[in-house]
Protein backbone atom coordinates (compact mmCIF):
# COMPACT_ATOMS: atom_id res chain seq x y z
CA UNK A 1 -28.88 -116.14 154.33
CA UNK A 2 -32.45 -116.67 153.13
CA UNK A 3 -33.76 -115.16 149.92
CA UNK A 4 -36.01 -112.85 151.94
CA UNK A 5 -33.17 -111.66 154.17
CA UNK A 6 -31.02 -111.09 151.07
CA UNK A 7 -33.81 -109.10 149.40
CA UNK A 8 -34.25 -106.97 152.51
CA UNK A 9 -30.49 -106.30 152.68
CA UNK A 10 -30.37 -105.29 149.01
CA UNK A 11 -33.43 -103.04 149.34
CA UNK A 12 -32.06 -101.45 152.50
CA UNK A 13 -28.90 -100.49 150.63
CA UNK A 14 -30.69 -99.26 147.50
CA UNK A 15 -33.39 -97.22 149.31
CA UNK A 16 -35.81 -97.64 146.40
CA UNK A 17 -38.14 -100.33 145.09
CA UNK A 18 -36.47 -102.82 142.76
CA UNK A 19 -37.69 -105.52 140.41
CA UNK A 20 -37.16 -109.00 141.79
CA UNK A 21 -34.71 -109.83 138.98
CA UNK A 22 -32.56 -106.83 139.96
CA UNK A 23 -32.74 -107.86 143.61
CA UNK A 24 -31.60 -111.36 142.65
CA UNK A 25 -28.70 -110.10 140.53
CA UNK A 26 -27.47 -107.85 143.32
CA UNK A 27 -27.85 -110.57 145.94
CA UNK A 28 -25.85 -112.96 143.75
CA UNK A 29 -23.15 -110.35 143.09
CA UNK A 30 -22.82 -109.70 146.84
CA UNK A 31 -22.87 -113.46 147.52
CA UNK A 32 -25.86 -113.02 149.85
CA UNK A 33 -27.51 -116.11 148.38
CA UNK A 34 -26.06 -119.33 147.04
CA UNK A 35 -28.73 -120.89 144.83
CA UNK A 36 -29.05 -124.62 144.57
CA UNK A 37 -31.43 -124.54 141.60
CA UNK A 38 -31.15 -123.27 138.05
CA UNK A 39 -33.57 -120.35 138.36
CA UNK A 40 -32.67 -118.13 141.33
CA UNK A 41 -34.68 -115.21 139.86
CA UNK A 42 -37.84 -117.34 139.79
CA UNK A 43 -37.17 -118.47 143.35
CA UNK A 44 -36.67 -114.89 144.53
CA UNK A 45 -39.83 -113.75 142.73
CA UNK A 46 -41.86 -116.55 144.26
CA UNK A 47 -40.54 -115.98 147.79
CA UNK A 48 -41.15 -112.23 147.56
CA UNK A 49 -44.66 -112.64 146.14
CA UNK A 50 -45.63 -115.10 148.86
CA UNK A 51 -44.05 -113.07 151.64
CA UNK A 52 -45.69 -109.78 150.65
CA UNK A 53 -49.08 -111.44 151.01
CA UNK A 54 -48.38 -112.32 154.64
CA UNK A 55 -49.45 -110.03 157.46
CA UNK A 56 -46.43 -108.49 159.16
CA UNK A 57 -44.12 -108.80 156.16
CA UNK A 58 -41.09 -106.51 156.16
CA UNK A 59 -41.59 -106.03 152.42
CA UNK A 60 -44.38 -104.61 150.27
CA UNK A 61 -45.18 -104.84 146.56
CA UNK A 62 -44.55 -101.54 144.76
CA UNK A 63 -45.69 -102.30 141.24
CA UNK A 64 -45.55 -105.25 138.88
CA UNK A 65 -42.55 -107.30 139.99
CA UNK A 66 -41.23 -104.47 142.18
CA UNK A 67 -40.72 -104.76 145.91
CA UNK A 68 -39.79 -102.23 148.61
CA UNK A 69 -39.06 -102.28 152.32
CA UNK A 70 -42.02 -101.55 154.56
CA UNK A 71 -41.05 -98.61 156.78
CA UNK A 72 -42.88 -96.38 159.23
CA UNK A 73 -43.32 -92.64 159.20
CA UNK A 74 -40.01 -92.26 161.05
CA UNK A 75 -38.25 -94.21 158.31
CA UNK A 76 -37.59 -97.17 160.57
CA UNK A 77 -38.71 -100.64 159.46
CA UNK A 78 -42.04 -101.81 160.83
CA UNK A 79 -44.12 -104.95 160.59
CA UNK A 80 -47.46 -103.21 161.05
CA UNK A 81 -49.18 -102.92 157.63
CA UNK A 82 -51.44 -100.12 158.88
CA UNK A 83 -48.35 -97.92 159.42
CA UNK A 84 -46.90 -98.61 156.00
CA UNK A 85 -44.88 -96.14 154.02
CA UNK A 86 -42.85 -97.52 151.15
CA UNK A 87 -39.11 -96.89 151.33
CA UNK A 88 -38.82 -94.93 148.11
CA UNK A 89 -36.25 -92.24 148.71
CA UNK A 90 -35.08 -92.41 145.10
CA UNK A 91 -38.24 -93.90 143.56
CA UNK A 92 -39.61 -90.58 142.28
CA UNK A 93 -36.64 -89.95 140.01
CA UNK A 94 -36.41 -93.65 139.10
CA UNK A 95 -40.08 -93.91 138.15
CA UNK A 96 -40.01 -90.78 136.02
CA UNK A 97 -36.64 -91.12 134.36
CA UNK A 98 -36.65 -91.52 130.56
CA UNK A 99 -36.12 -95.07 129.35
């Protein structure tokens, strides 16, 4: 599985934006990725950053280092950036929870 597919799978399960390091840890724990290098978090961060700049990406940046699935109004994934709604079902409580 590619890093991008693994990130999408993790984000789909979590239903909230996550930092790329958290995405990487979860992908490793679920054995969704098998890194060949020493810095899988850096690889994930780089792939996500590059992908979110591309038109039609399934993912969108949701803050510094955070990424979310790009979904439409119906909640189904879309590739059309003009119909973007961030998948943030639990983001409100996550973003405002005390540290």
